[in-house]
Amino acid sequence: MKQNLFGMTLDRLGEVAADAGLPPYAGRQIGDWLYHKDAREVSAMSNLPLRARRDLAERYEVVRAEPVKVTISTDGTRKYLFPAQMGGFVEAAWIPEPRRSTLCLSVQVGCKMGCLFCMTGKQGFQGHLSPGEILNQYRSLPERDQVTNIVYMGMGEPLDNLDNVLESLEVLCADYGFGMSPTRITVSTVGLVPAMRRFLDRSRCHLAISLHTPFEEERRHLMPVENVYPLKEVLAELRARAIRGQRRVSFEYILFDRLNDTPQHARELARVLSGIRCRVNLIAFHPIPGTPLEPSPRATMEQFEAQLREHGILATIRRSRGQDIAAACGMLSTRELMRRKRDAEQ
């Protein structure tokens, strides 16, 4: 089976070039064709010797995939469905705003984490996306030229696929790649502490922690990861790092009606985050099938935000987008999987 050149870092492309008998600078030439000139096949790389191109084409290819489906919200949000090589589908959401345009991309087909509020986890884990498959969601996006920010907050746990995520981040940020600033990219995690350490060492991108309650037992109910990497260990690692400068740490907090939206939760959240330079993003819950959770009323969300601010925590209610197009992670891909299963059974 041929290997995919698209998604390879400069170091890997240098190894490819060396194996083909090409000089060291040929790796950068291949990268230029892949990420700047949008080459779709090895034969198009005309500044490489013809013999080398033929040799490379026998072992390598340039794999890109266009979205197979798009749903468009009344608020302008667009959700794209991309095929994955191991089967199944992944989702990427493009979210336009007046001064910015954000792409939310996926890193896995399904997920292992099993969070109670997440539709992706209900699919089960099917496989990791390669660096090329992660980057394809950006490169093959029709609105790619409008993207100003990228968040790794779609399907899957980014730090559970850390090696491929790091390679994709390198290509996104490097001059030989897409040249984005790491301050425009945020990577989310449920709190896999060892992988988080590696991420903080290897990347300058922002980090977002899925928190959702400051109380251990409640978090264990919502997020099984609490059994392995308790929130207190995640916070201890962040305090030890004392992250400063342009890098930002944020906490994602989905508000559930009468579960984690009380004044007691706001006080405890402020206490556990004390001393960490951060922002708390308050998120409206997009209801999903098969869960007892309900979204908090808007007035409750606003009260919770005000309480956090009174305790000195920078908090913002994130504007809810794409509710009319099943924007919650995993909804669109689950529907497509179910539809194809029904078609196969007929």
Protein backbone atom coordinates (compact mmCIF):
# COMPACT_ATOMS: atom_id res chain seq x y z
CA MET A 1 0.00 0.00 0.00
CA LYS A 2 1.31 3.43 -0.94
CA GLN A 3 2.01 5.98 1.78
CA ASN A 4 0.34 9.38 1.76
CA LEU A 5 2.75 12.28 1.32
CA PHE A 6 0.12 14.84 2.31
CA GLY A 7 0.47 15.49 6.03
CA MET A 8 4.15 14.59 6.29
CA THR A 9 6.45 16.96 8.19
CA LEU A 10 9.64 18.33 6.66
CA ASP A 11 11.75 15.75 8.51
CA ARG A 12 9.67 12.91 7.08
CA LEU A 13 9.74 14.42 3.60
CA GLY A 14 13.52 14.66 3.88
CA GLU A 15 13.64 10.92 4.61
CA VAL A 16 11.41 10.28 1.58
CA ALA A 17 13.74 12.34 -0.60
CA ALA A 18 16.85 10.60 0.74
CA ASP A 19 15.33 7.16 0.07
CA ALA A 20 14.76 8.25 -3.53
CA GLY A 21 18.39 9.36 -3.89
CA LEU A 22 17.53 13.05 -3.89
CA PRO A 23 19.52 15.82 -2.15
CA PRO A 24 18.39 17.08 1.30
CA TYR A 25 16.71 20.21 -0.10
CA ALA A 26 14.33 18.04 -2.15
CA GLY A 27 12.25 17.39 0.98
CA ARG A 28 11.41 21.09 1.11
CA GLN A 29 10.63 21.06 -2.60
CA ILE A 30 8.12 18.26 -2.07
CA GLY A 31 6.61 20.19 0.85
CA ASP A 32 6.27 23.25 -1.37
CA TRP A 33 4.32 21.21 -3.90
CA LEU A 34 2.08 19.69 -1.23
CA TYR A 35 1.27 22.71 0.93
CA HIS A 36 1.87 25.77 -1.26
CA LYS A 37 1.18 24.61 -4.82
CA ASP A 38 -1.61 22.13 -4.01
CA ALA A 39 -0.12 19.27 -6.04
CA ARG A 40 -2.51 16.31 -6.23
CA GLU A 41 0.00 13.76 -7.57
CA VAL A 42 3.73 13.13 -7.52
CA SER A 43 4.02 13.51 -11.29
CA ALA A 44 3.12 17.22 -10.96
CA MET A 45 6.31 17.96 -8.97
CA SER A 46 8.15 19.16 -12.06
CA ASN A 47 11.35 20.41 -10.40
CA LEU A 48 12.15 16.85 -9.28
CA PRO A 49 13.98 14.61 -11.77
CA LEU A 50 11.62 12.50 -13.86
CA ARG A 51 13.24 9.28 -12.70
CA ALA A 52 12.82 10.27 -9.05
CA ARG A 53 9.17 11.16 -9.64
CA ARG A 54 8.54 7.74 -11.15
CA ASP A 55 10.27 6.06 -8.23
CA LEU A 56 8.32 8.10 -5.69
CA ALA A 57 5.01 7.46 -7.46
CA GLU A 58 5.51 3.72 -7.04
CA ARG A 59 5.63 4.06 -3.24
CA TYR A 60 3.80 7.28 -2.42
CA GLU A 61 0.65 9.15 -3.35
CA VAL A 62 -1.10 12.40 -2.47
CA VAL A 63 -4.39 11.51 -0.80
CA ARG A 64 -6.99 14.25 -0.39
CA ALA A 65 -10.72 13.86 0.13
CA GLU A 66 -13.48 16.35 -0.58
CA PRO A 67 -16.42 16.55 1.85
CA VAL A 68 -19.23 14.15 1.01
CA LYS A 69 -21.94 16.21 2.68
CA VAL A 70 -22.55 19.72 4.00
CA THR A 71 -25.30 21.10 6.20
CA ILE A 72 -25.80 24.85 6.49
CA SER A 73 -27.25 26.63 9.51
CA THR A 74 -29.40 29.74 9.43
CA ASP A 75 -26.61 31.47 11.39
CA GLY A 76 -24.03 30.73 8.67
CA THR A 77 -22.30 27.81 10.37
CA ARG A 78 -21.46 24.99 7.97
CA LYS A 79 -20.80 21.41 8.98
CA TYR A 80 -18.87 19.21 6.57
CA LEU A 81 -18.71 15.43 6.58
CA PHE A 82 -15.42 13.90 5.45
CA PRO A 83 -14.72 10.21 4.76
CA ALA A 84 -12.02 8.49 6.82
CA GLN A 85 -9.66 5.94 5.30
CA MET A 86 -10.47 3.26 7.88
CA GLY A 87 -14.17 3.72 7.17
CA GLY A 88 -16.70 5.91 8.89
CA PHE A 89 -16.87 9.68 8.81
CA VAL A 90 -15.55 12.72 10.63
CA GLU A 91 -16.97 16.19 10.94
CA ALA A 92 -15.51 19.66 10.54
CA ALA A 93 -17.47 22.78 11.40
CA TRP A 94 -16.79 26.18 9.84
CA ILE A 95 -18.04 29.03 12.05
CA PRO A 96 -17.99 32.51 10.48
CA GLU A 97 -18.11 35.63 12.64
CA PRO A 98 -17.75 39.34 11.77
CA ARG A 99 -14.04 39.57 12.64
CA ARG A 100 -12.91 35.97 12.50
CA SER A 101 -13.68 32.59 11.03
CA THR A 102 -13.07 29.42 13.03
CA LEU A 103 -12.62 25.85 11.83
CA CYS A 104 -13.39 23.09 14.33
CA LEU A 105 -11.76 19.86 13.20
CA SER A 106 -11.71 16.20 14.27
CA VAL A 107 -8.84 13.86 15.17
CA GLN A 108 -10.48 10.44 15.58
CA VAL A 109 -13.34 8.38 14.19
CA GLY A 110 -15.39 7.90 17.34
CA CYS A 111 -13.79 8.32 20.76
CA LYS A 112 -12.65 6.24 23.75
CA MET A 113 -13.41 8.77 26.47
CA GLY A 114 -17.12 8.00 26.95
CA CYS A 115 -18.24 11.42 28.22
CA LEU A 116 -21.93 11.37 29.11
CA PHE A 117 -22.71 14.53 27.14
CA CYS A 118 -20.90 13.64 23.90
CA MET A 119 -22.45 11.93 20.88
CA THR A 120 -19.07 10.97 19.42
CA GLY A 121 -18.32 8.69 22.37
CA LYS A 122 -21.55 6.79 21.75
CA GLN A 123 -20.12 5.64 18.40
CA GLY A 124 -17.28 3.85 20.16
CA PHE A 125 -13.68 4.20 19.05
CA GLN A 126 -13.02 3.27 15.42
CA GLY A 127 -9.57 4.68 14.72
CA HIS A 128 -7.07 7.56 14.75
CA LEU A 129 -6.93 10.04 11.90
CA SER A 130 -3.53 10.39 10.25
CA PRO A 131 -1.88 13.83 10.04
CA GLY A 132 -3.02 14.00 6.42
CA GLU A 133 -6.63 13.25 7.35
CA ILE A 134 -6.57 15.92 10.05
CA LEU A 135 -5.07 18.50 7.68
CA ASN A 136 -7.41 17.49 4.87
CA GLN A 137 -10.32 18.99 6.83
CA TYR A 138 -8.55 22.34 6.51
CA ARG A 139 -7.09 22.04 3.02
CA SER A 140 -10.29 20.69 1.45
CA LEU A 141 -12.59 23.15 3.19
CA PRO A 142 -14.32 25.35 0.58
CA GLU A 143 -13.90 28.37 2.91
CA ARG A 144 -10.25 27.61 3.69
CA ASP A 145 -8.98 31.03 2.63
CA GLN A 146 -11.31 32.67 5.16
CA VAL A 147 -10.15 30.62 8.17
CA THR A 148 -8.43 32.74 10.84
CA ASN A 149 -8.55 30.31 13.78
CA ILE A 150 -8.52 26.53 14.23
CA VAL A 151 -9.75 24.56 17.23
CA TYR A 152 -9.11 20.85 17.73
CA MET A 153 -12.49 20.33 19.38
CA GLY A 154 -14.37 18.07 16.96
CA MET A 155 -14.67 14.29 17.11
CA GLY A 156 -12.15 12.43 19.26
CA GLU A 157 -9.67 13.27 22.03
CA PRO A 158 -6.69 15.15 20.51
CA LEU A 159 -4.16 14.06 23.13
CA ASP A 160 -5.14 10.41 22.66
CA ASN A 161 -3.83 10.80 19.09
CA LEU A 162 -0.96 13.03 20.12
CA ASP A 163 1.77 12.03 17.65
CA ASN A 164 -0.48 12.64 14.65
CA VAL A 165 -1.88 15.83 16.17
CA LEU A 166 1.62 17.21 16.77
CA GLU A 167 2.64 16.45 13.18
CA SER A 168 -0.47 18.17 11.87
CA LEU A 169 0.24 21.21 14.07
CA GLU A 170 3.79 21.40 12.76
CA VAL A 171 2.59 21.45 9.16
CA LEU A 172 -0.09 24.04 9.98
CA CYS A 173 2.41 26.39 11.63
CA ALA A 174 5.66 25.86 9.69
CA ASP A 175 6.85 28.09 6.86
CA TYR A 176 7.12 25.07 4.58
CA GLY A 177 3.50 24.25 5.47
CA PHE A 178 0.52 26.55 5.89
CA GLY A 179 2.27 29.21 7.98
CA MET A 180 -0.41 29.77 10.63
CA SER A 181 0.47 31.34 13.96
CA PRO A 182 0.23 28.88 16.90
CA THR A 183 -1.63 31.63 18.78
CA ARG A 184 -4.49 31.07 16.32
CA ILE A 185 -4.81 27.38 17.21
CA THR A 186 -6.35 25.78 20.31
CA VAL A 187 -6.16 22.09 21.20
CA SER A 188 -8.71 20.62 23.59
CA THR A 189 -8.32 17.72 26.02
CA VAL A 190 -10.27 15.98 28.75
CA GLY A 191 -7.03 15.99 30.75
CA LEU A 192 -4.67 13.16 29.75
CA VAL A 193 -1.84 14.37 31.97
CA PRO A 194 1.23 12.62 30.46
CA ALA A 195 0.18 13.55 26.92
CA MET A 196 -0.61 17.08 28.10
CA ARG A 197 2.96 17.43 29.32
CA ARG A 198 4.27 16.37 25.90
CA PHE A 199 1.92 18.74 24.14
CA LEU A 200 3.00 21.70 26.28
CA ASP A 201 6.66 20.85 25.64
CA ARG A 202 6.33 20.28 21.91
CA SER A 203 3.84 22.93 20.81
CA ARG A 204 3.17 26.63 21.37
CA CYS A 205 -0.55 26.34 20.60
CA HIS A 206 -3.22 27.17 23.17
CA LEU A 207 -4.65 24.51 25.46
CA ALA A 208 -8.31 24.05 26.43
CA ILE A 209 -9.32 21.73 29.27
CA SER A 210 -12.76 20.12 29.36
CA LEU A 211 -13.77 20.65 32.99
CA HIS A 212 -17.62 20.79 33.35
CA THR A 213 -17.74 20.52 37.15
CA PRO A 214 -15.27 21.26 39.96
CA PHE A 215 -16.53 18.38 42.09
CA GLU A 216 -14.76 15.03 41.78
CA GLU A 217 -17.77 12.72 42.03
CA GLU A 218 -19.83 14.73 39.57
CA ARG A 219 -16.97 14.89 37.12
CA ARG A 220 -16.47 11.14 37.40
CA HIS A 221 -20.16 10.71 36.49
CA LEU A 222 -19.85 13.02 33.48
CA MET A 223 -16.32 12.09 32.40
CA PRO A 224 -14.83 8.65 33.15
CA VAL A 225 -11.32 10.07 32.63
CA GLU A 226 -11.62 11.44 36.17
CA ASN A 227 -10.96 7.88 37.39
CA VAL A 228 -7.55 7.87 35.72
CA TYR A 229 -6.42 11.51 35.66
CA PRO A 230 -8.29 13.46 38.37
CA LEU A 231 -8.86 17.15 37.78
CA LYS A 232 -6.59 17.98 40.72
CA GLU A 233 -3.65 16.38 38.85
CA VAL A 234 -4.47 18.35 35.69
CA LEU A 235 -4.58 21.61 37.65
CA ALA A 236 -1.38 20.77 39.54
CA GLU A 237 0.43 20.32 36.22
CA LEU A 238 -0.80 23.69 34.98
CA ARG A 239 0.22 25.42 38.19
CA ALA A 240 3.68 23.85 37.97
CA ARG A 241 4.03 25.22 34.43
CA ALA A 242 2.95 28.78 35.31
CA ILE A 243 2.03 29.35 31.66
CA ARG A 244 2.59 32.96 30.60
CA GLY A 245 3.18 35.05 27.49
CA GLN A 246 1.06 34.59 24.40
CA ARG A 247 0.08 31.02 25.22
CA ARG A 248 -3.37 30.78 26.77
CA VAL A 249 -5.10 28.15 28.91
CA SER A 250 -8.87 28.01 28.89
CA PHE A 251 -11.45 25.76 30.53
CA GLU A 252 -14.53 24.52 28.71
CA TYR A 253 -17.59 24.31 30.96
CA ILE A 254 -20.88 23.02 29.54
CA LEU A 255 -23.76 24.10 31.76
CA PHE A 256 -26.36 21.44 32.56
CA ASP A 257 -29.65 22.35 34.16
CA ARG A 258 -29.61 21.83 37.95
CA LEU A 259 -26.48 19.68 37.74
CA ASN A 260 -23.45 21.98 37.57
CA ASP A 261 -24.93 25.48 37.30
CA THR A 262 -25.50 26.45 40.95
CA PRO A 263 -23.82 29.22 43.01
CA GLN A 264 -22.02 26.46 44.92
CA HIS A 265 -20.46 25.25 41.65
CA ALA A 266 -19.39 28.79 40.75
CA ARG A 267 -17.70 29.30 44.14
CA GLU A 268 -15.90 25.95 43.99
CA LEU A 269 -14.85 26.50 40.39
CA ALA A 270 -13.31 29.84 41.32
CA ARG A 271 -11.52 28.19 44.24
CA VAL A 272 -9.96 25.32 42.27
CA LEU A 273 -8.84 27.66 39.47
CA SER A 274 -7.31 30.21 41.83
CA GLY A 275 -3.76 31.11 40.78
CA ILE A 276 -4.10 29.80 37.22
CA ARG A 277 -4.06 32.45 34.50
CA CYS A 278 -7.02 31.33 32.43
CA ARG A 279 -10.41 31.96 30.89
CA VAL A 280 -13.58 29.92 31.44
CA ASN A 281 -15.75 29.40 28.38
CA LEU A 282 -19.35 28.72 29.38
CA ILE A 283 -21.11 26.60 26.77
CA ALA A 284 -24.77 25.89 26.14
CA PHE A 285 -25.50 22.17 25.95
CA HIS A 286 -26.72 20.88 22.58
CA PRO A 287 -29.08 18.03 23.57
CA ILE A 288 -28.24 14.58 22.21
CA PRO A 289 -30.22 11.32 22.18
CA GLY A 290 -29.81 8.86 25.04
CA THR A 291 -28.76 11.22 27.82
CA PRO A 292 -30.74 12.63 30.76
CA LEU A 293 -28.86 15.95 30.61
CA GLU A 294 -30.69 19.18 29.82
CA PRO A 295 -29.31 22.63 28.94
CA SER A 296 -29.29 25.37 31.55
CA PRO A 297 -31.66 28.31 30.92
CA ARG A 298 -30.00 31.41 29.52
CA ALA A 299 -30.73 33.40 32.69
CA THR A 300 -28.93 30.75 34.77
CA MET A 301 -25.93 30.87 32.45
CA GLU A 302 -25.73 34.66 32.78
CA GLN A 303 -25.98 34.42 36.57
CA PHE A 304 -23.22 31.78 36.65
CA GLU A 305 -20.99 34.00 34.48
CA ALA A 306 -21.56 36.97 36.81
CA GLN A 307 -20.74 34.87 39.87
CA LEU A 308 -17.44 33.72 38.38
CA ARG A 309 -16.51 37.29 37.52
CA GLU A 310 -17.32 38.38 41.08
CA HIS A 311 -14.79 35.77 42.25
CA GLY A 312 -12.12 37.14 39.88
CA ILE A 313 -12.44 34.53 37.11
CA LEU A 314 -12.56 35.73 33.52
CA ALA A 315 -15.63 34.01 32.11
CA THR A 316 -17.48 34.30 28.81
CA ILE A 317 -20.65 32.68 27.53
CA ARG A 318 -19.77 31.23 24.17
CA ARG A 319 -22.34 32.03 21.55
CA SER A 320 -24.24 28.89 20.57
CA ARG A 321 -23.97 28.14 16.87
CA GLY A 322 -25.48 25.69 14.40
CA GLN A 323 -28.20 24.25 16.63
CA ASP A 324 -30.50 23.72 13.65
CA ILE A 325 -27.95 21.49 11.85
CA ALA A 326 -27.07 19.01 14.62
CA ALA A 327 -23.87 20.91 15.43
CA ALA A 328 -23.06 18.84 18.52
CA CYS A 329 -19.97 16.71 17.85
CA GLY A 330 -20.78 13.32 16.35
CA MET A 331 -24.42 14.02 15.45
CA LEU A 332 -23.97 14.34 11.69
CA SER A 333 -21.58 11.41 11.34
CA THR A 334 -23.79 9.19 13.50
CA ARG A 335 -26.78 9.97 11.31
CA GLU A 336 -24.79 9.17 8.18
CA LEU A 337 -23.55 5.88 9.61
CA MET A 338 -27.11 4.89 10.56
CA ARG A 339 -28.42 5.85 7.14
CA ARG A 340 -25.82 3.78 5.33
CA LYS A 341 -26.44 0.84 7.65
CA ARG A 342 -30.16 0.98 6.84
CA ASP A 343 -29.41 1.19 3.11
CA ALA A 344 -27.14 -1.87 3.34
CA GLU A 345 -29.80 -3.88 5.15
CA GLN A 346 -32.48 -3.15 2.56
